Amino acid sequence: MTVPSLSLNDGHSIPQLGFGVFQVPPDQTAATVTAALEVGYRHIDTAQMYGNEKGVGEALATSGIPRDELFVTTKLNNMNHAPDDVRRSFDESLRALGLDHVDLFLIHWPLPTQYDGDYVSTWKAMTELTADGRAKSVGVSNFEPDHLARVIDETGVLPAVNQVEVHPRFGNEAVRAANAEHGLLTEAWSPIGQGSILDDPTIGEIAERLGRTPAQVTLRWHVERGDIVFPKSMHRERMQENFALFDFDLSPDDVSAISGLDRGSAGRIGPDPATFDRI
């Protein structure tokens, strides 16, 4: 099954479906990613904060898959926002991954109440990493519309993506609209709401009618709205299920019905980026 690629605003492209390793234990990461690669995933999303970049790198190194067929994302740890720390920790990530470049490097959180509110200098340091190709693309994660506007206005450099919480009970539509307005793609983390929406009757009815699982229907909803998704599972059967998204479609009414499950801020699972400040 072929995973479609989406065009980024910097001329590169990104597979619309990836595999996430959030909360995958470091000692199980290599085996888990190896299984995902065997299923067919070629887009792997990790982070300095996850502590499992080394395991990702081990799986990539032993996979036998050419580097140009892989898309690897990692993210800047919250303790590394100072420009010198951006550069140092990025080098450390490359060493842990065993790679000479990553395809996408993201600021993990804006941390507007930390570092004297200066995430612009962090972004400037991130953008410098593309000069020699060690980061093909750079972007942000968990940025609200005002955070996005500030880095763009003060640097003139567009992030390639904004990775944010999105699922049927938290559509995060204001952020998705801001991303679209600025010409960057939305990546949806927690795309099935950490499993909380799998027993929803609306999604269940659609899944039963289509002969699909609630997870597949939910992930397909993301795909049809143009978002990038990277579900996580440590079980091969679920990996295969989550990969099988491109041989069926939802009707416009199905998409609307799922979008109607949005609870606004009450549906948020993760922290609010405007106040989140953990370093």
C-alpha atoms as a PDB file:
ATOM      1  CA  MET A   1       0.000   0.000   0.000  1.00  0.00           C
ATOM      2  CA  THR A   2       1.416   3.364  -1.034  1.00  0.00           C
ATOM      3  CA  VAL A   3       1.398   6.173   1.533  1.00  0.00           C
ATOM      4  CA  PRO A   4       0.817   9.562  -0.135  1.00  0.00           C
ATOM      5  CA  SER A   5       3.352  12.328   0.327  1.00  0.00           C
ATOM      6  CA  LEU A   6       2.463  15.955   0.969  1.00  0.00           C
ATOM      7  CA  SER A   7       4.473  18.937  -0.230  1.00  0.00           C
ATOM      8  CA  LEU A   8       6.117  21.135   2.389  1.00  0.00           C
ATOM      9  CA  ASN A   9       6.511  24.882   1.931  1.00  0.00           C
ATOM     10  CA  ASP A  10      10.302  24.537   1.612  1.00  0.00           C
ATOM     11  CA  GLY A  11      10.222  22.268  -1.433  1.00  0.00           C
ATOM     12  CA  HIS A  12      10.577  18.973   0.410  1.00  0.00           C
ATOM     13  CA  SER A  13       7.846  16.380   0.910  1.00  0.00           C
ATOM     14  CA  ILE A  14       6.638  14.283   3.828  1.00  0.00           C
ATOM     15  CA  PRO A  15       4.741  10.966   4.032  1.00  0.00           C
ATOM     16  CA  GLN A  16       1.234  11.636   5.332  1.00  0.00           C
ATOM     17  CA  LEU A  17       1.331   8.570   7.578  1.00  0.00           C
ATOM     18  CA  GLY A  18       4.132   7.894   9.999  1.00  0.00           C
ATOM     19  CA  PHE A  19       4.926   5.893  13.113  1.00  0.00           C
ATOM     20  CA  GLY A  20       5.287   7.564  16.506  1.00  0.00           C
ATOM     21  CA  VAL A  21       7.446   6.322  19.377  1.00  0.00           C
ATOM     22  CA  PHE A  22       6.169   8.491  22.233  1.00  0.00           C
ATOM     23  CA  GLN A  23       6.349   6.453  25.472  1.00  0.00           C
ATOM     24  CA  VAL A  24       8.003   3.480  23.770  1.00  0.00           C
ATOM     25  CA  PRO A  25      10.586   2.304  26.349  1.00  0.00           C
ATOM     26  CA  PRO A  26      14.152   2.827  25.138  1.00  0.00           C
ATOM     27  CA  ASP A  27      15.015  -0.855  25.520  1.00  0.00           C
ATOM     28  CA  GLN A  28      12.050  -1.820  23.321  1.00  0.00           C
ATOM     29  CA  THR A  29      12.351   0.907  20.720  1.00  0.00           C
ATOM     30  CA  ALA A  30      14.617  -0.870  18.237  1.00  0.00           C
ATOM     31  CA  ALA A  31      12.365  -3.938  18.091  1.00  0.00           C
ATOM     32  CA  THR A  32       9.204  -1.824  17.884  1.00  0.00           C
ATOM     33  CA  VAL A  33      10.500   0.375  15.074  1.00  0.00           C
ATOM     34  CA  THR A  34      11.846  -2.673  13.250  1.00  0.00           C
ATOM     35  CA  ALA A  35       8.349  -4.165  13.300  1.00  0.00           C
ATOM     36  CA  ALA A  36       6.867  -0.897  12.024  1.00  0.00           C
ATOM     37  CA  LEU A  37       9.364  -0.762   9.164  1.00  0.00           C
ATOM     38  CA  GLU A  38       8.523  -4.369   8.266  1.00  0.00           C
ATOM     39  CA  VAL A  39       4.831  -3.419   8.122  1.00  0.00           C
ATOM     40  CA  GLY A  40       5.689  -0.661   5.663  1.00  0.00           C
ATOM     41  CA  TYR A  41       6.114   2.561   7.637  1.00  0.00           C
ATOM     42  CA  ARG A  42       8.874   4.827   6.332  1.00  0.00           C
ATOM     43  CA  HIS A  43       8.211   7.945   8.431  1.00  0.00           C
ATOM     44  CA  ILE A  44       9.391   7.734  12.057  1.00  0.00           C
ATOM     45  CA  ASP A  45       8.654  10.469  14.618  1.00  0.00           C
ATOM     46  CA  THR A  46      10.786  10.642  17.768  1.00  0.00           C
ATOM     47  CA  ALA A  47      12.091  13.376  20.109  1.00  0.00           C
ATOM     48  CA  GLN A  48      14.977  14.168  22.404  1.00  0.00           C
ATOM     49  CA  MET A  49      12.483  14.171  25.270  1.00  0.00           C
ATOM     50  CA  TYR A  50      11.408  10.585  24.548  1.00  0.00           C
ATOM     51  CA  GLY A  51      14.869   9.206  25.324  1.00  0.00           C
ATOM     52  CA  ASN A  52      14.658   6.626  22.557  1.00  0.00           C
ATOM     53  CA  GLU A  53      16.476   8.168  19.594  1.00  0.00           C
ATOM     54  CA  LYS A  54      19.244   5.564  19.911  1.00  0.00           C
ATOM     55  CA  GLY A  55      16.758   2.713  19.519  1.00  0.00           C
ATOM     56  CA  VAL A  56      15.232   4.380  16.484  1.00  0.00           C
ATOM     57  CA  GLY A  57      18.689   4.688  14.960  1.00  0.00           C
ATOM     58  CA  GLU A  58      19.485   1.039  15.651  1.00  0.00           C
ATOM     59  CA  ALA A  59      16.333  -0.069  13.848  1.00  0.00           C
ATOM     60  CA  LEU A  60      17.056   2.165  10.874  1.00  0.00           C
ATOM     61  CA  ALA A  61      20.644   0.956  10.632  1.00  0.00           C
ATOM     62  CA  THR A  62      19.702  -2.728  10.552  1.00  0.00           C
ATOM     63  CA  SER A  63      16.643  -2.338   8.318  1.00  0.00           C
ATOM     64  CA  GLY A  64      18.476  -2.377   5.011  1.00  0.00           C
ATOM     65  CA  ILE A  65      16.169   0.386   3.772  1.00  0.00           C
ATOM     66  CA  PRO A  66      17.946   3.094   1.767  1.00  0.00           C
ATOM     67  CA  ARG A  67      18.191   6.378   3.656  1.00  0.00           C
ATOM     68  CA  ASP A  68      16.418   8.295   0.914  1.00  0.00           C
ATOM     69  CA  GLU A  69      13.343   6.111   1.412  1.00  0.00           C
ATOM     70  CA  LEU A  70      13.076   7.074   5.098  1.00  0.00           C
ATOM     71  CA  PHE A  71      11.720  10.219   6.732  1.00  0.00           C
ATOM     72  CA  VAL A  72      12.979  10.849  10.270  1.00  0.00           C
ATOM     73  CA  THR A  73      11.711  13.533  12.642  1.00  0.00           C
ATOM     74  CA  THR A  74      13.077  14.463  16.045  1.00  0.00           C
ATOM     75  CA  LYS A  75      12.309  17.363  18.375  1.00  0.00           C
ATOM     76  CA  LEU A  76      14.184  19.790  20.595  1.00  0.00           C
ATOM     77  CA  ASN A  77      14.015  19.088  24.318  1.00  0.00           C
ATOM     78  CA  ASN A  78      12.563  21.873  26.467  1.00  0.00           C
ATOM     79  CA  MET A  79      15.831  22.294  28.362  1.00  0.00           C
ATOM     80  CA  ASN A  80      17.689  23.060  25.111  1.00  0.00           C
ATOM     81  CA  HIS A  81      16.071  26.298  23.928  1.00  0.00           C
ATOM     82  CA  ALA A  82      19.138  28.514  24.293  1.00  0.00           C
ATOM     83  CA  PRO A  83      20.696  28.865  20.813  1.00  0.00           C
ATOM     84  CA  ASP A  84      23.979  27.179  21.791  1.00  0.00           C
ATOM     85  CA  ASP A  85      21.978  24.322  23.300  1.00  0.00           C
ATOM     86  CA  VAL A  86      19.938  23.986  20.120  1.00  0.00           C
ATOM     87  CA  ARG A  87      23.130  23.378  18.147  1.00  0.00           C
ATOM     88  CA  ARG A  88      24.732  21.122  20.762  1.00  0.00           C
ATOM     89  CA  SER A  89      21.682  18.957  21.342  1.00  0.00           C
ATOM     90  CA  PHE A  90      20.994  18.649  17.611  1.00  0.00           C
ATOM     91  CA  ASP A  91      24.475  17.208  17.156  1.00  0.00           C
ATOM     92  CA  GLU A  92      23.750  14.812  20.014  1.00  0.00           C
ATOM     93  CA  SER A  93      20.518  13.721  18.318  1.00  0.00           C
ATOM     94  CA  LEU A  94      22.334  12.986  15.071  1.00  0.00           C
ATOM     95  CA  ARG A  95      24.876  10.877  16.960  1.00  0.00           C
ATOM     96  CA  ALA A  96      22.153   8.996  18.850  1.00  0.00           C
ATOM     97  CA  LEU A  97      20.246   8.338  15.635  1.00  0.00           C
ATOM     98  CA  GLY A  98      23.407   7.402  13.763  1.00  0.00           C
ATOM     99  CA  LEU A  99      22.455   9.730  10.912  1.00  0.00           C
ATOM    100  CA  ASP A 100      24.164  12.541   9.043  1.00  0.00           C
ATOM    101  CA  HIS A 101      20.856  14.409   8.731  1.00  0.00           C
ATOM    102  CA  VAL A 102      17.258  14.341   9.831  1.00  0.00           C
ATOM    103  CA  ASP A 103      14.359  15.152   7.539  1.00  0.00           C
ATOM    104  CA  LEU A 104      12.549  17.323  10.088  1.00  0.00           C
ATOM    105  CA  PHE A 105      13.580  18.964  13.365  1.00  0.00           C
ATOM    106  CA  LEU A 106      10.941  20.618  15.542  1.00  0.00           C
ATOM    107  CA  ILE A 107      10.792  22.908  18.570  1.00  0.00           C
ATOM    108  CA  HIS A 108       8.832  20.595  20.852  1.00  0.00           C
ATOM    109  CA  TRP A 109       7.035  23.283  22.921  1.00  0.00           C
ATOM    110  CA  PRO A 110       7.069  27.093  22.713  1.00  0.00           C
ATOM    111  CA  LEU A 111       7.416  27.564  26.501  1.00  0.00           C
ATOM    112  CA  PRO A 112       6.191  31.192  26.416  1.00  0.00           C
ATOM    113  CA  THR A 113       6.604  31.580  30.188  1.00  0.00           C
ATOM    114  CA  GLN A 114      10.222  30.363  30.160  1.00  0.00           C
ATOM    115  CA  TYR A 115      13.466  31.799  28.717  1.00  0.00           C
ATOM    116  CA  ASP A 116      12.030  35.314  29.195  1.00  0.00           C
ATOM    117  CA  GLY A 117       9.437  34.429  26.608  1.00  0.00           C
ATOM    118  CA  ASP A 118      12.091  34.228  23.902  1.00  0.00           C
ATOM    119  CA  TYR A 119      11.316  31.355  21.588  1.00  0.00           C
ATOM    120  CA  VAL A 120      12.258  33.499  18.569  1.00  0.00           C
ATOM    121  CA  SER A 121      16.021  33.091  19.146  1.00  0.00           C
ATOM    122  CA  THR A 122      15.380  29.358  19.486  1.00  0.00           C
ATOM    123  CA  TRP A 123      13.643  29.361  16.127  1.00  0.00           C
ATOM    124  CA  LYS A 124      16.469  31.356  14.522  1.00  0.00           C
ATOM    125  CA  ALA A 125      18.977  28.755  15.724  1.00  0.00           C
ATOM    126  CA  MET A 126      16.760  25.989  14.358  1.00  0.00           C
ATOM    127  CA  THR A 127      16.617  27.583  10.926  1.00  0.00           C
ATOM    128  CA  GLU A 128      20.429  27.751  10.754  1.00  0.00           C
ATOM    129  CA  LEU A 129      20.554  23.946  10.811  1.00  0.00           C
ATOM    130  CA  THR A 130      19.171  23.725   7.281  1.00  0.00           C
ATOM    131  CA  ALA A 131      22.131  25.621   5.809  1.00  0.00           C
ATOM    132  CA  ASP A 132      24.375  22.556   5.548  1.00  0.00           C
ATOM    133  CA  GLY A 133      21.565  20.039   5.054  1.00  0.00           C
ATOM    134  CA  ARG A 134      21.868  18.380   8.453  1.00  0.00           C
ATOM    135  CA  ALA A 135      18.191  19.243   8.925  1.00  0.00           C
ATOM    136  CA  LYS A 136      16.340  19.188   5.627  1.00  0.00           C
ATOM    137  CA  SER A 137      13.312  20.924   7.132  1.00  0.00           C
ATOM    138  CA  VAL A 138      12.561  22.610  10.445  1.00  0.00           C
ATOM    139  CA  GLY A 139       9.267  23.283  12.131  1.00  0.00           C
ATOM    140  CA  VAL A 140       7.444  23.688  15.402  1.00  0.00           C
ATOM    141  CA  SER A 141       5.187  21.722  17.686  1.00  0.00           C
ATOM    142  CA  ASN A 142       2.410  22.856  20.010  1.00  0.00           C
ATOM    143  CA  PHE A 143       2.537  26.444  18.719  1.00  0.00           C
ATOM    144  CA  GLU A 144      -0.610  28.511  19.105  1.00  0.00           C
ATOM    145  CA  PRO A 145      -1.555  31.084  16.424  1.00  0.00           C
ATOM    146  CA  ASP A 146       0.139  33.940  18.278  1.00  0.00           C
ATOM    147  CA  HIS A 147       3.327  31.909  18.699  1.00  0.00           C
ATOM    148  CA  LEU A 148       3.353  31.153  14.978  1.00  0.00           C
ATOM    149  CA  ALA A 149       2.709  34.747  13.991  1.00  0.00           C
ATOM    150  CA  ARG A 150       5.536  35.969  16.196  1.00  0.00           C
ATOM    151  CA  VAL A 151       8.270  33.690  14.841  1.00  0.00           C
ATOM    152  CA  ILE A 152       7.206  34.337  11.272  1.00  0.00           C
ATOM    153  CA  ASP A 153       6.939  38.105  11.726  1.00  0.00           C
ATOM    154  CA  GLU A 154      10.286  38.400  13.523  1.00  0.00           C
ATOM    155  CA  THR A 155      12.342  36.054  11.345  1.00  0.00           C
ATOM    156  CA  GLY A 156      10.548  35.853   8.013  1.00  0.00           C
ATOM    157  CA  VAL A 157      11.084  32.079   8.010  1.00  0.00           C
ATOM    158  CA  LEU A 158       8.063  29.796   7.842  1.00  0.00           C
ATOM    159  CA  PRO A 159       8.046  26.553   9.820  1.00  0.00           C
ATOM    160  CA  ALA A 160       7.421  23.582   7.554  1.00  0.00           C
ATOM    161  CA  VAL A 161       4.892  22.020   9.951  1.00  0.00           C
ATOM    162  CA  ASN A 162       3.182  22.602  13.266  1.00  0.00           C
ATOM    163  CA  GLN A 163       2.670  19.376  15.209  1.00  0.00           C
ATOM    164  CA  VAL A 164      -0.265  19.799  17.605  1.00  0.00           C
ATOM    165  CA  GLU A 165      -2.884  17.833  19.467  1.00  0.00           C
ATOM    166  CA  VAL A 166      -5.767  17.012  17.113  1.00  0.00           C
ATOM    167  CA  HIS A 167      -8.443  14.348  17.383  1.00  0.00           C
ATOM    168  CA  PRO A 168     -12.230  14.236  16.951  1.00  0.00           C
ATOM    169  CA  ARG A 169     -12.941  15.562  20.440  1.00  0.00           C
ATOM    170  CA  PHE A 170     -10.349  18.336  20.084  1.00  0.00           C
ATOM    171  CA  GLY A 171     -10.244  19.525  16.511  1.00  0.00           C
ATOM    172  CA  ASN A 172      -7.913  22.437  17.387  1.00  0.00           C
ATOM    173  CA  GLU A 173      -9.459  24.291  14.480  1.00  0.00           C
ATOM    174  CA  ALA A 174      -8.037  27.735  15.263  1.00  0.00           C
ATOM    175  CA  VAL A 175      -4.505  26.346  15.089  1.00  0.00           C
ATOM    176  CA  ARG A 176      -5.236  24.321  11.957  1.00  0.00           C
ATOM    177  CA  ALA A 177      -6.638  27.456  10.314  1.00  0.00           C
ATOM    178  CA  ALA A 178      -3.563  29.489  11.293  1.00  0.00           C
ATOM    179  CA  ASN A 179      -1.304  26.771   9.911  1.00  0.00           C
ATOM    180  CA  ALA A 180      -3.200  26.815   6.614  1.00  0.00           C
ATOM    181  CA  GLU A 181      -3.152  30.596   6.466  1.00  0.00           C
ATOM    182  CA  HIS A 182       0.631  30.644   6.776  1.00  0.00           C
ATOM    183  CA  GLY A 183       1.111  27.753   4.354  1.00  0.00           C
ATOM    184  CA  LEU A 184       2.378  25.086   6.727  1.00  0.00           C
ATOM    185  CA  LEU A 185       1.066  21.589   7.287  1.00  0.00           C
ATOM    186  CA  THR A 186      -0.622  20.303  10.415  1.00  0.00           C
ATOM    187  CA  GLU A 187       0.696  17.169  12.071  1.00  0.00           C
ATOM    188  CA  ALA A 188      -1.762  15.599  14.505  1.00  0.00           C
ATOM    189  CA  TRP A 189      -0.405  14.059  17.686  1.00  0.00           C
ATOM    190  CA  SER A 190      -2.691  11.861  19.757  1.00  0.00           C
ATOM    191  CA  PRO A 191      -4.773  11.330  16.591  1.00  0.00           C
ATOM    192  CA  ILE A 192      -7.149   8.863  18.222  1.00  0.00           C
ATOM    193  CA  GLY A 193      -7.294  10.764  21.508  1.00  0.00           C
ATOM    194  CA  GLN A 194      -5.125   8.164  23.288  1.00  0.00           C
ATOM    195  CA  GLY A 195      -7.877   5.662  22.507  1.00  0.00           C
ATOM    196  CA  SER A 196     -10.614   7.692  24.174  1.00  0.00           C
ATOM    197  CA  ILE A 197     -12.729   7.993  21.040  1.00  0.00           C
ATOM    198  CA  LEU A 198     -12.674   4.324  20.030  1.00  0.00           C
ATOM    199  CA  ASP A 199     -15.975   3.603  21.790  1.00  0.00           C
ATOM    200  CA  ASP A 200     -17.746   6.660  20.411  1.00  0.00           C
ATOM    201  CA  PRO A 201     -21.085   5.566  18.879  1.00  0.00           C
ATOM    202  CA  THR A 202     -20.834   7.936  15.907  1.00  0.00           C
ATOM    203  CA  ILE A 203     -17.448   6.586  14.904  1.00  0.00           C
ATOM    204  CA  GLY A 204     -18.580   3.040  15.721  1.00  0.00           C
ATOM    205  CA  GLU A 205     -21.557   3.300  13.363  1.00  0.00           C
ATOM    206  CA  ILE A 206     -19.386   4.545  10.518  1.00  0.00           C
ATOM    207  CA  ALA A 207     -16.808   1.830  11.166  1.00  0.00           C
ATOM    208  CA  GLU A 208     -19.439  -0.910  11.180  1.00  0.00           C
ATOM    209  CA  ARG A 209     -20.990   0.353   7.946  1.00  0.00           C
ATOM    210  CA  LEU A 210     -17.633   0.473   6.192  1.00  0.00           C
ATOM    211  CA  GLY A 211     -16.306  -2.783   7.646  1.00  0.00           C
ATOM    212  CA  ARG A 212     -13.429  -0.952   9.304  1.00  0.00           C
ATOM    213  CA  THR A 213     -12.249  -0.398  12.869  1.00  0.00           C
ATOM    214  CA  PRO A 214     -12.934   2.816  14.799  1.00  0.00           C
ATOM    215  CA  ALA A 215      -9.197   3.569  14.762  1.00  0.00           C
ATOM    216  CA  GLN A 216      -9.023   3.238  10.994  1.00  0.00           C
ATOM    217  CA  VAL A 217     -12.054   5.481  10.533  1.00  0.00           C
ATOM    218  CA  THR A 218     -10.587   8.120  12.848  1.00  0.00           C
ATOM    219  CA  LEU A 219      -7.189   8.082  11.166  1.00  0.00           C
ATOM    220  CA  ARG A 220      -8.865   8.249   7.760  1.00  0.00           C
ATOM    221  CA  TRP A 221     -10.767  11.358   8.974  1.00  0.00           C
ATOM    222  CA  HIS A 222      -7.408  13.012   9.636  1.00  0.00           C
ATOM    223  CA  VAL A 223      -6.067  11.980   6.244  1.00  0.00           C
ATOM    224  CA  GLU A 224      -9.074  13.325   4.363  1.00  0.00           C
ATOM    225  CA  ARG A 225      -8.727  16.663   6.145  1.00  0.00           C
ATOM    226  CA  GLY A 226      -5.109  16.895   4.988  1.00  0.00           C
ATOM    227  CA  ASP A 227      -3.351  16.327   8.310  1.00  0.00           C
ATOM    228  CA  ILE A 228      -0.265  14.180   8.841  1.00  0.00           C
ATOM    229  CA  VAL A 229      -0.695  11.389  11.385  1.00  0.00           C
ATOM    230  CA  PHE A 230       1.712   9.034  13.133  1.00  0.00           C
ATOM    231  CA  PRO A 231      -0.180   6.606  15.391  1.00  0.00           C
ATOM    232  CA  LYS A 232       1.824   4.620  17.920  1.00  0.00           C
ATOM    233  CA  SER A 233       1.428   0.969  18.838  1.00  0.00           C
ATOM    234  CA  MET A 234       3.796  -1.674  20.106  1.00  0.00           C
ATOM    235  CA  HIS A 235       1.680  -4.484  18.623  1.00  0.00           C
ATOM    236  CA  ARG A 236       2.221  -5.580  15.027  1.00  0.00           C
ATOM    237  CA  GLU A 237      -1.464  -6.292  14.432  1.00  0.00           C
ATOM    238  CA  ARG A 238      -2.375  -2.728  15.432  1.00  0.00           C
ATOM    239  CA  MET A 239       0.496  -1.336  13.371  1.00  0.00           C
ATOM    240  CA  GLN A 240      -0.942  -3.148  10.349  1.00  0.00           C
ATOM    241  CA  GLU A 241      -4.438  -1.915  11.120  1.00  0.00           C
ATOM    242  CA  ASN A 242      -3.270   1.683  11.421  1.00  0.00           C
ATOM    243  CA  PHE A 243      -1.351   1.375   8.136  1.00  0.00           C
ATOM    244  CA  ALA A 244      -4.401   0.235   6.143  1.00  0.00           C
ATOM    245  CA  LEU A 245      -5.928   3.659   5.514  1.00  0.00           C
ATOM    246  CA  PHE A 246      -5.615   4.217   1.796  1.00  0.00           C
ATOM    247  CA  ASP A 247      -8.021   1.719   0.251  1.00  0.00           C
ATOM    248  CA  PHE A 248     -11.267   3.271   1.503  1.00  0.00           C
ATOM    249  CA  ASP A 249     -12.871   6.698   1.771  1.00  0.00           C
ATOM    250  CA  LEU A 250     -15.229   8.503   4.092  1.00  0.00           C
ATOM    251  CA  SER A 251     -18.184  10.381   2.675  1.00  0.00           C
ATOM    252  CA  PRO A 252     -18.404  14.146   3.264  1.00  0.00           C
ATOM    253  CA  ASP A 253     -21.250  13.409   5.692  1.00  0.00           C
ATOM    254  CA  ASP A 254     -19.030  10.980   7.608  1.00  0.00           C
ATOM    255  CA  VAL A 255     -16.265  13.582   7.855  1.00  0.00           C
ATOM    256  CA  SER A 256     -18.753  16.180   9.072  1.00  0.00           C
ATOM    257  CA  ALA A 257     -20.242  13.814  11.640  1.00  0.00           C
ATOM    258  CA  ILE A 258     -16.827  13.045  13.113  1.00  0.00           C
ATOM    259  CA  SER A 259     -15.844  16.725  13.083  1.00  0.00           C
ATOM    260  CA  GLY A 260     -19.062  17.408  14.997  1.00  0.00           C
ATOM    261  CA  LEU A 261     -17.684  15.487  17.988  1.00  0.00           C
ATOM    262  CA  ASP A 262     -15.375  18.433  18.753  1.00  0.00           C
ATOM    263  CA  ARG A 263     -15.708  19.610  22.366  1.00  0.00           C
ATOM    264  CA  GLY A 264     -13.399  22.589  22.015  1.00  0.00           C
ATOM    265  CA  SER A 265     -10.937  23.146  24.848  1.00  0.00           C
ATOM    266  CA  ALA A 266     -12.905  20.716  27.028  1.00  0.00           C
ATOM    267  CA  GLY A 267     -11.735  17.926  24.723  1.00  0.00           C
ATOM    268  CA  ARG A 268      -8.031  18.675  25.120  1.00  0.00           C
ATOM    269  CA  ILE A 269      -6.019  15.788  26.582  1.00  0.00           C
ATOM    270  CA  GLY A 270      -2.549  17.321  26.741  1.00  0.00           C
ATOM    271  CA  PRO A 271      -1.386  20.543  28.399  1.00  0.00           C
ATOM    272  CA  ASP A 272      -2.243  24.000  27.145  1.00  0.00           C
ATOM    273  CA  PRO A 273       0.744  25.345  25.145  1.00  0.00           C
ATOM    274  CA  ALA A 274       0.041  28.863  26.415  1.00  0.00           C
ATOM    275  CA  THR A 275       0.909  27.831  29.974  1.00  0.00           C
ATOM    276  CA  PHE A 276       2.920  24.611  29.691  1.00  0.00           C
ATOM    277  CA  ASP A 277       6.372  25.311  31.129  1.00  0.00           C
ATOM    278  CA  ARG A 278       8.037  22.030  32.105  1.00  0.00           C
ATOM    279  CA  ILE A 279      11.782  21.976  31.545  1.00  0.00           C
END
